[in-house]
Every structure is written in structure tokens, then in C-alpha cells.
Amino acid sequence: MRKSDMQKGKGKIKEAAGKVTGNERMETEGQADQAAGMARKAGEKVREAGEQAREAGEKAGDAMKRRSS
């Protein structure tokens, strides 16, 4: 499980606990944790897309080298 998913889950639990107990601060912290988890997930997706693009570029470069040989 990714850190982003853990953080979002933790946030949902905090938010629910805050609602049940009437603790607005805990509820707000839960919402903030969920937002941070979503931001982390977006960063993970960008990093993965970059890695895939790099790998595709390397494969294309290798194919071009083989053709010119």
C-alpha cells in the first residue's frame, strides 16, 4: 500500500472520529490529511509517468542504434 493511500485512510478515520466526538480540530486535521494524501498521490503519478517516458525514450534510442548498425 502506498503512503498516499495510508495518509488518506488516516485522514478519513480522523475526520470521522472528529465528527463523532464533536472535535472540530480533529475533523479539520482529518480533512487536511486527506488533502495531503491526494497531493502525494498526484506526485506519485507524475513520477511514474516520468519514469515510463524515460524508459520509452531509452527503448526508442536503442531501436535507432540497432537500425543504424
PDB file of N, CA and C in Angstrom:
ATOM      1  N   MET A   1       0.847  -1.175   0.000  1.00  0.00           N
ATOM      2  CA  MET A   1       0.000   0.000   0.000  1.00  0.00           C
ATOM      3  C   MET A   1       0.897   1.243   0.000  1.00  0.00           C
ATOM      4  N   ARG A   2       0.502   2.214  -0.755  1.00  0.00           N
ATOM      5  CA  ARG A   2       1.292   3.434  -0.882  1.00  0.00           C
ATOM      6  C   ARG A   2       1.061   4.363   0.300  1.00  0.00           C
ATOM      7  N   LYS A   3       2.045   5.226   0.520  1.00  0.00           N
ATOM      8  CA  LYS A   3       1.923   6.199   1.596  1.00  0.00           C
ATOM      9  C   LYS A   3       0.732   7.118   1.397  1.00  0.00           C
ATOM     10  N   SER A   4       0.448   7.461   0.138  1.00  0.00           N
ATOM     11  CA  SER A   4      -0.670   8.358  -0.136  1.00  0.00           C
ATOM     12  C   SER A   4      -1.991   7.724   0.302  1.00  0.00           C
ATOM     13  N   ASP A   5      -2.149   6.434   0.042  1.00  0.00           N
ATOM     14  CA  ASP A   5      -3.377   5.748   0.440  1.00  0.00           C
ATOM     15  C   ASP A   5      -3.480   5.643   1.957  1.00  0.00           C
ATOM     16  N   MET A   6      -2.358   5.399   2.606  1.00  0.00           N
ATOM     17  CA  MET A   6      -2.339   5.331   4.070  1.00  0.00           C
ATOM     18  C   MET A   6      -2.722   6.684   4.668  1.00  0.00           C
ATOM     19  N   GLN A   7      -2.185   7.739   4.103  1.00  0.00           N
ATOM     20  CA  GLN A   7      -2.445   9.073   4.617  1.00  0.00           C
ATOM     21  C   GLN A   7      -3.919   9.445   4.429  1.00  0.00           C
ATOM     22  N   LYS A   8      -4.484   9.100   3.273  1.00  0.00           N
ATOM     23  CA  LYS A   8      -5.897   9.380   3.035  1.00  0.00           C
ATOM     24  C   LYS A   8      -6.768   8.582   4.001  1.00  0.00           C
ATOM     25  N   GLY A   9      -6.432   7.334   4.226  1.00  0.00           N
ATOM     26  CA  GLY A   9      -7.187   6.497   5.163  1.00  0.00           C
ATOM     27  C   GLY A   9      -7.130   7.034   6.578  1.00  0.00           C
ATOM     28  N   LYS A  10      -5.936   7.435   6.976  1.00  0.00           N
ATOM     29  CA  LYS A  10      -5.754   8.021   8.306  1.00  0.00           C
ATOM     30  C   LYS A  10      -6.608   9.282   8.442  1.00  0.00           C
ATOM     31  N   GLY A  11      -6.650  10.072   7.384  1.00  0.00           N
ATOM     32  CA  GLY A  11      -7.439  11.293   7.398  1.00  0.00           C
ATOM     33  C   GLY A  11      -8.926  11.018   7.526  1.00  0.00           C
ATOM     34  N   LYS A  12      -9.401   9.989   6.831  1.00  0.00           N
ATOM     35  CA  LYS A  12     -10.826   9.639   6.910  1.00  0.00           C
ATOM     36  C   LYS A  12     -11.188   9.207   8.330  1.00  0.00           C
ATOM     37  N   ILE A  13     -10.310   8.431   8.944  1.00  0.00           N
ATOM     38  CA  ILE A  13     -10.558   7.974  10.313  1.00  0.00           C
ATOM     39  C   ILE A  13     -10.585   9.165  11.270  1.00  0.00           C
ATOM     40  N   LYS A  14      -9.605  10.059  11.128  1.00  0.00           N
ATOM     41  CA  LYS A  14      -9.554  11.249  11.988  1.00  0.00           C
ATOM     42  C   LYS A  14     -10.796  12.110  11.808  1.00  0.00           C
ATOM     43  N   GLU A  15     -11.194  12.298  10.556  1.00  0.00           N
ATOM     44  CA  GLU A  15     -12.361  13.131  10.279  1.00  0.00           C
ATOM     45  C   GLU A  15     -13.610  12.517  10.917  1.00  0.00           C
ATOM     46  N   ALA A  16     -13.781  11.211  10.753  1.00  0.00           N
ATOM     47  CA  ALA A  16     -14.948  10.534  11.326  1.00  0.00           C
ATOM     48  C   ALA A  16     -14.927  10.613  12.855  1.00  0.00           C
ATOM     49  N   ALA A  17     -13.740  10.401  13.437  1.00  0.00           N
ATOM     50  CA  ALA A  17     -13.630  10.486  14.898  1.00  0.00           C
ATOM     51  C   ALA A  17     -13.946  11.901  15.378  1.00  0.00           C
ATOM     52  N   GLY A  18     -13.504  12.883  14.630  1.00  0.00           N
ATOM     53  CA  GLY A  18     -13.785  14.267  14.989  1.00  0.00           C
ATOM     54  C   GLY A  18     -15.267  14.580  14.928  1.00  0.00           C
ATOM     55  N   LYS A  19     -15.943  14.047  13.919  1.00  0.00           N
ATOM     56  CA  LYS A  19     -17.390  14.266  13.795  1.00  0.00           C
ATOM     57  C   LYS A  19     -18.141  13.614  14.952  1.00  0.00           C
ATOM     58  N   VAL A  20     -17.755  12.373  15.269  1.00  0.00           N
ATOM     59  CA  VAL A  20     -18.437  11.627  16.329  1.00  0.00           C
ATOM     60  C   VAL A  20     -18.258  12.308  17.687  1.00  0.00           C
ATOM     61  N   THR A  21     -17.048  12.775  17.959  1.00  0.00           N
ATOM     62  CA  THR A  21     -16.763  13.373  19.262  1.00  0.00           C
ATOM     63  C   THR A  21     -17.073  14.867  19.308  1.00  0.00           C
ATOM     64  N   GLY A  22     -17.371  15.440  18.154  1.00  0.00           N
ATOM     65  CA  GLY A  22     -17.630  16.879  18.120  1.00  0.00           C
ATOM     66  C   GLY A  22     -16.358  17.710  18.190  1.00  0.00           C
ATOM     67  N   ASN A  23     -15.228  17.091  17.889  1.00  0.00           N
ATOM     68  CA  ASN A  23     -13.931  17.764  17.931  1.00  0.00           C
ATOM     69  C   ASN A  23     -13.639  18.330  16.539  1.00  0.00           C
ATOM     70  N   GLU A  24     -13.889  19.616  16.376  1.00  0.00           N
ATOM     71  CA  GLU A  24     -13.707  20.256  15.067  1.00  0.00           C
ATOM     72  C   GLU A  24     -12.249  20.240  14.622  1.00  0.00           C
ATOM     73  N   ARG A  25     -11.330  20.377  15.579  1.00  0.00           N
ATOM     74  CA  ARG A  25      -9.907  20.381  15.226  1.00  0.00           C
ATOM     75  C   ARG A  25      -9.497  19.036  14.620  1.00  0.00           C
ATOM     76  N   MET A  26      -9.929  17.948  15.238  1.00  0.00           N
ATOM     77  CA  MET A  26      -9.582  16.624  14.723  1.00  0.00           C
ATOM     78  C   MET A  26     -10.232  16.403  13.352  1.00  0.00           C
ATOM     79  N   GLU A  27     -11.445  16.866  13.190  1.00  0.00           N
ATOM     80  CA  GLU A  27     -12.138  16.738  11.913  1.00  0.00           C
ATOM     81  C   GLU A  27     -11.371  17.491  10.820  1.00  0.00           C
ATOM     82  N   THR A  28     -10.928  18.699  11.146  1.00  0.00           N
ATOM     83  CA  THR A  28     -10.168  19.508  10.190  1.00  0.00           C
ATOM     84  C   THR A  28      -8.818  18.869   9.880  1.00  0.00           C
ATOM     85  N   GLU A  29      -8.156  18.320  10.901  1.00  0.00           N
ATOM     86  CA  GLU A  29      -6.886  17.628  10.673  1.00  0.00           C
ATOM     87  C   GLU A  29      -7.086  16.432   9.737  1.00  0.00           C
ATOM     88  N   GLY A  30      -8.196  15.734   9.903  1.00  0.00           N
ATOM     89  CA  GLY A  30      -8.505  14.603   9.035  1.00  0.00           C
ATOM     90  C   GLY A  30      -8.678  15.038   7.595  1.00  0.00           C
ATOM     91  N   GLN A  31      -9.370  16.147   7.414  1.00  0.00           N
ATOM     92  CA  GLN A  31      -9.561  16.669   6.058  1.00  0.00           C
ATOM     93  C   GLN A  31      -8.219  17.091   5.457  1.00  0.00           C
ATOM     94  N   ALA A  32      -7.369  17.694   6.281  1.00  0.00           N
ATOM     95  CA  ALA A  32      -6.043  18.107   5.803  1.00  0.00           C
ATOM     96  C   ALA A  32      -5.194  16.889   5.434  1.00  0.00           C
ATOM     97  N   ASP A  33      -5.269  15.826   6.234  1.00  0.00           N
ATOM     98  CA  ASP A  33      -4.526  14.604   5.928  1.00  0.00           C
ATOM     99  C   ASP A  33      -4.993  14.002   4.609  1.00  0.00           C
ATOM    100  N   GLN A  34      -6.297  14.035   4.379  1.00  0.00           N
ATOM    101  CA  GLN A  34      -6.825  13.501   3.121  1.00  0.00           C
ATOM    102  C   GLN A  34      -6.335  14.325   1.931  1.00  0.00           C
ATOM    103  N   ALA A  35      -6.329  15.641   2.085  1.00  0.00           N
ATOM    104  CA  ALA A  35      -5.844  16.512   1.001  1.00  0.00           C
ATOM    105  C   ALA A  35      -4.363  16.262   0.736  1.00  0.00           C
ATOM    106  N   ALA A  36      -3.592  16.088   1.806  1.00  0.00           N
ATOM    107  CA  ALA A  36      -2.166  15.817   1.649  1.00  0.00           C
ATOM    108  C   ALA A  36      -1.952  14.471   0.960  1.00  0.00           C
ATOM    109  N   GLY A  37      -2.785  13.497   1.283  1.00  0.00           N
ATOM    110  CA  GLY A  37      -2.697  12.189   0.641  1.00  0.00           C
ATOM    111  C   GLY A  37      -2.994  12.269  -0.849  1.00  0.00           C
ATOM    112  N   MET A  38      -3.989  13.080  -1.203  1.00  0.00           N
ATOM    113  CA  MET A  38      -4.313  13.251  -2.621  1.00  0.00           C
ATOM    114  C   MET A  38      -3.179  13.952  -3.365  1.00  0.00           C
ATOM    115  N   ALA A  39      -2.560  14.938  -2.709  1.00  0.00           N
ATOM    116  CA  ALA A  39      -1.431  15.638  -3.331  1.00  0.00           C
ATOM    117  C   ALA A  39      -0.251  14.684  -3.511  1.00  0.00           C
ATOM    118  N   ARG A  40      -0.002  13.859  -2.509  1.00  0.00           N
ATOM    119  CA  ARG A  40       1.086  12.885  -2.604  1.00  0.00           C
ATOM    120  C   ARG A  40       0.821  11.909  -3.741  1.00  0.00           C
ATOM    121  N   LYS A  41      -0.433  11.475  -3.869  1.00  0.00           N
ATOM    122  CA  LYS A  41      -0.781  10.531  -4.937  1.00  0.00           C
ATOM    123  C   LYS A  41      -0.550  11.164  -6.312  1.00  0.00           C
ATOM    124  N   ALA A  42      -0.908  12.430  -6.447  1.00  0.00           N
ATOM    125  CA  ALA A  42      -0.679  13.128  -7.719  1.00  0.00           C
ATOM    126  C   ALA A  42       0.815  13.174  -8.025  1.00  0.00           C
ATOM    127  N   GLY A  43       1.629  13.435  -7.013  1.00  0.00           N
ATOM    128  CA  GLY A  43       3.075  13.449  -7.206  1.00  0.00           C
ATOM    129  C   GLY A  43       3.605  12.088  -7.608  1.00  0.00           C
ATOM    130  N   GLU A  44       3.058  11.042  -7.008  1.00  0.00           N
ATOM    131  CA  GLU A  44       3.473   9.682  -7.362  1.00  0.00           C
ATOM    132  C   GLU A  44       3.147   9.376  -8.822  1.00  0.00           C
ATOM    133  N   LYS A  45       1.963   9.813  -9.267  1.00  0.00           N
ATOM    134  CA  LYS A  45       1.571   9.570 -10.652  1.00  0.00           C
ATOM    135  C   LYS A  45       2.488  10.310 -11.622  1.00  0.00           C
ATOM    136  N   VAL A  46       2.858  11.536 -11.291  1.00  0.00           N
ATOM    137  CA  VAL A  46       3.757  12.313 -12.146  1.00  0.00           C
ATOM    138  C   VAL A  46       5.115  11.622 -12.235  1.00  0.00           C
ATOM    139  N   ARG A  47       5.608  11.162 -11.087  1.00  0.00           N
ATOM    140  CA  ARG A  47       6.905  10.479 -11.064  1.00  0.00           C
ATOM    141  C   ARG A  47       6.852   9.207 -11.906  1.00  0.00           C
ATOM    142  N   GLU A  48       5.771   8.429 -11.763  1.00  0.00           N
ATOM    143  CA  GLU A  48       5.632   7.195 -12.538  1.00  0.00           C
ATOM    144  C   GLU A  48       5.554   7.483 -14.037  1.00  0.00           C
ATOM    145  N   ALA A  49       4.833   8.539 -14.406  1.00  0.00           N
ATOM    146  CA  ALA A  49       4.736   8.902 -15.826  1.00  0.00           C
ATOM    147  C   ALA A  49       6.103   9.310 -16.365  1.00  0.00           C
ATOM    148  N   GLY A  50       6.872  10.014 -15.570  1.00  0.00           N
ATOM    149  CA  GLY A  50       8.217  10.399 -15.976  1.00  0.00           C
ATOM    150  C   GLY A  50       9.117   9.192 -16.176  1.00  0.00           C
ATOM    151  N   GLU A  51       9.003   8.228 -15.274  1.00  0.00           N
ATOM    152  CA  GLU A  51       9.800   7.009 -15.396  1.00  0.00           C
ATOM    153  C   GLU A  51       9.414   6.239 -16.660  1.00  0.00           C
ATOM    154  N   GLN A  52       8.120   6.161 -16.939  1.00  0.00           N
ATOM    155  CA  GLN A  52       7.667   5.453 -18.132  1.00  0.00           C
ATOM    156  C   GLN A  52       8.134   6.153 -19.398  1.00  0.00           C
ATOM    157  N   ALA A  53       8.095   7.479 -19.392  1.00  0.00           N
ATOM    158  CA  ALA A  53       8.559   8.239 -20.555  1.00  0.00           C
ATOM    159  C   ALA A  53      10.056   8.033 -20.768  1.00  0.00           C
ATOM    160  N   ARG A  54      10.813   8.016 -19.673  1.00  0.00           N
ATOM    161  CA  ARG A  54      12.256   7.793 -19.782  1.00  0.00           C
ATOM    162  C   ARG A  54      12.545   6.415 -20.351  1.00  0.00           C
ATOM    163  N   GLU A  55      11.821   5.404 -19.861  1.00  0.00           N
ATOM    164  CA  GLU A  55      12.021   4.048 -20.354  1.00  0.00           C
ATOM    165  C   GLU A  55      11.662   3.940 -21.835  1.00  0.00           C
ATOM    166  N   ALA A  56      10.578   4.597 -22.235  1.00  0.00           N
ATOM    167  CA  ALA A  56      10.173   4.578 -23.645  1.00  0.00           C
ATOM    168  C   ALA A  56      11.233   5.256 -24.505  1.00  0.00           C
ATOM    169  N   GLY A  57      11.793   6.350 -24.010  1.00  0.00           N
ATOM    170  CA  GLY A  57      12.853   7.042 -24.735  1.00  0.00           C
ATOM    171  C   GLY A  57      14.096   6.189 -24.888  1.00  0.00           C
ATOM    172  N   GLU A  58      14.431   5.460 -23.831  1.00  0.00           N
ATOM    173  CA  GLU A  58      15.599   4.575 -23.901  1.00  0.00           C
ATOM    174  C   GLU A  58      15.369   3.463 -24.917  1.00  0.00           C
ATOM    175  N   LYS A  59      14.169   2.900 -24.933  1.00  0.00           N
ATOM    176  CA  LYS A  59      13.868   1.828 -25.897  1.00  0.00           C
ATOM    177  C   LYS A  59      13.924   2.360 -27.321  1.00  0.00           C
ATOM    178  N   ALA A  60      13.395   3.553 -27.533  1.00  0.00           N
ATOM    179  CA  ALA A  60      13.425   4.148 -28.869  1.00  0.00           C
ATOM    180  C   ALA A  60      14.862   4.420 -29.292  1.00  0.00           C
ATOM    181  N   GLY A  61      15.676   4.891 -28.373  1.00  0.00           N
ATOM    182  CA  GLY A  61      17.081   5.146 -28.676  1.00  0.00           C
ATOM    183  C   GLY A  61      17.818   3.874 -29.022  1.00  0.00           C
ATOM    184  N   ASP A  62      17.521   2.800 -28.296  1.00  0.00           N
ATOM    185  CA  ASP A  62      18.146   1.508 -28.581  1.00  0.00           C
ATOM    186  C   ASP A  62      17.731   0.998 -29.958  1.00  0.00           C
ATOM    187  N   ALA A  63      16.461   1.182 -30.285  1.00  0.00           N
ATOM    188  CA  ALA A  63      15.981   0.735 -31.606  1.00  0.00           C
ATOM    189  C   ALA A  63      16.664   1.520 -32.717  1.00  0.00           C
ATOM    190  N   MET A  64      16.863   2.806 -32.513  1.00  0.00           N
ATOM    191  CA  MET A  64      17.525   3.642 -33.523  1.00  0.00           C
ATOM    192  C   MET A  64      18.990   3.210 -33.698  1.00  0.00           C
ATOM    193  N   LYS A  65      19.635   2.849 -32.619  1.00  0.00           N
ATOM    194  CA  LYS A  65      21.026   2.393 -32.692  1.00  0.00           C
ATOM    195  C   LYS A  65      21.119   1.096 -33.485  1.00  0.00           C
ATOM    196  N   ARG A  66      20.168   0.194 -33.252  1.00  0.00           N
ATOM    197  CA  ARG A  66      20.186  -1.085 -33.962  1.00  0.00           C
ATOM    198  C   ARG A  66      19.945  -0.897 -35.458  1.00  0.00           C
ATOM    199  N   ARG A  67      19.112   0.052 -35.812  1.00  0.00           N
ATOM    200  CA  ARG A  67      18.824   0.307 -37.226  1.00  0.00           C
ATOM    201  C   ARG A  67      20.039   0.890 -37.949  1.00  0.00           C
ATOM    202  N   SER A  68      20.767   1.730 -37.256  1.00  0.00           N
ATOM    203  CA  SER A  68      21.904   2.378 -37.905  1.00  0.00           C
ATOM    204  C   SER A  68      23.134   1.470 -37.970  1.00  0.00           C
ATOM    205  N   SER A  69      23.099   0.378 -37.247  1.00  0.00           N
ATOM    206  CA  SER A  69      24.252  -0.542 -37.239  1.00  0.00           C
ATOM    207  C   SER A  69      24.295  -1.433 -38.426  1.00  0.00           C
TER     208      SER A  69
END
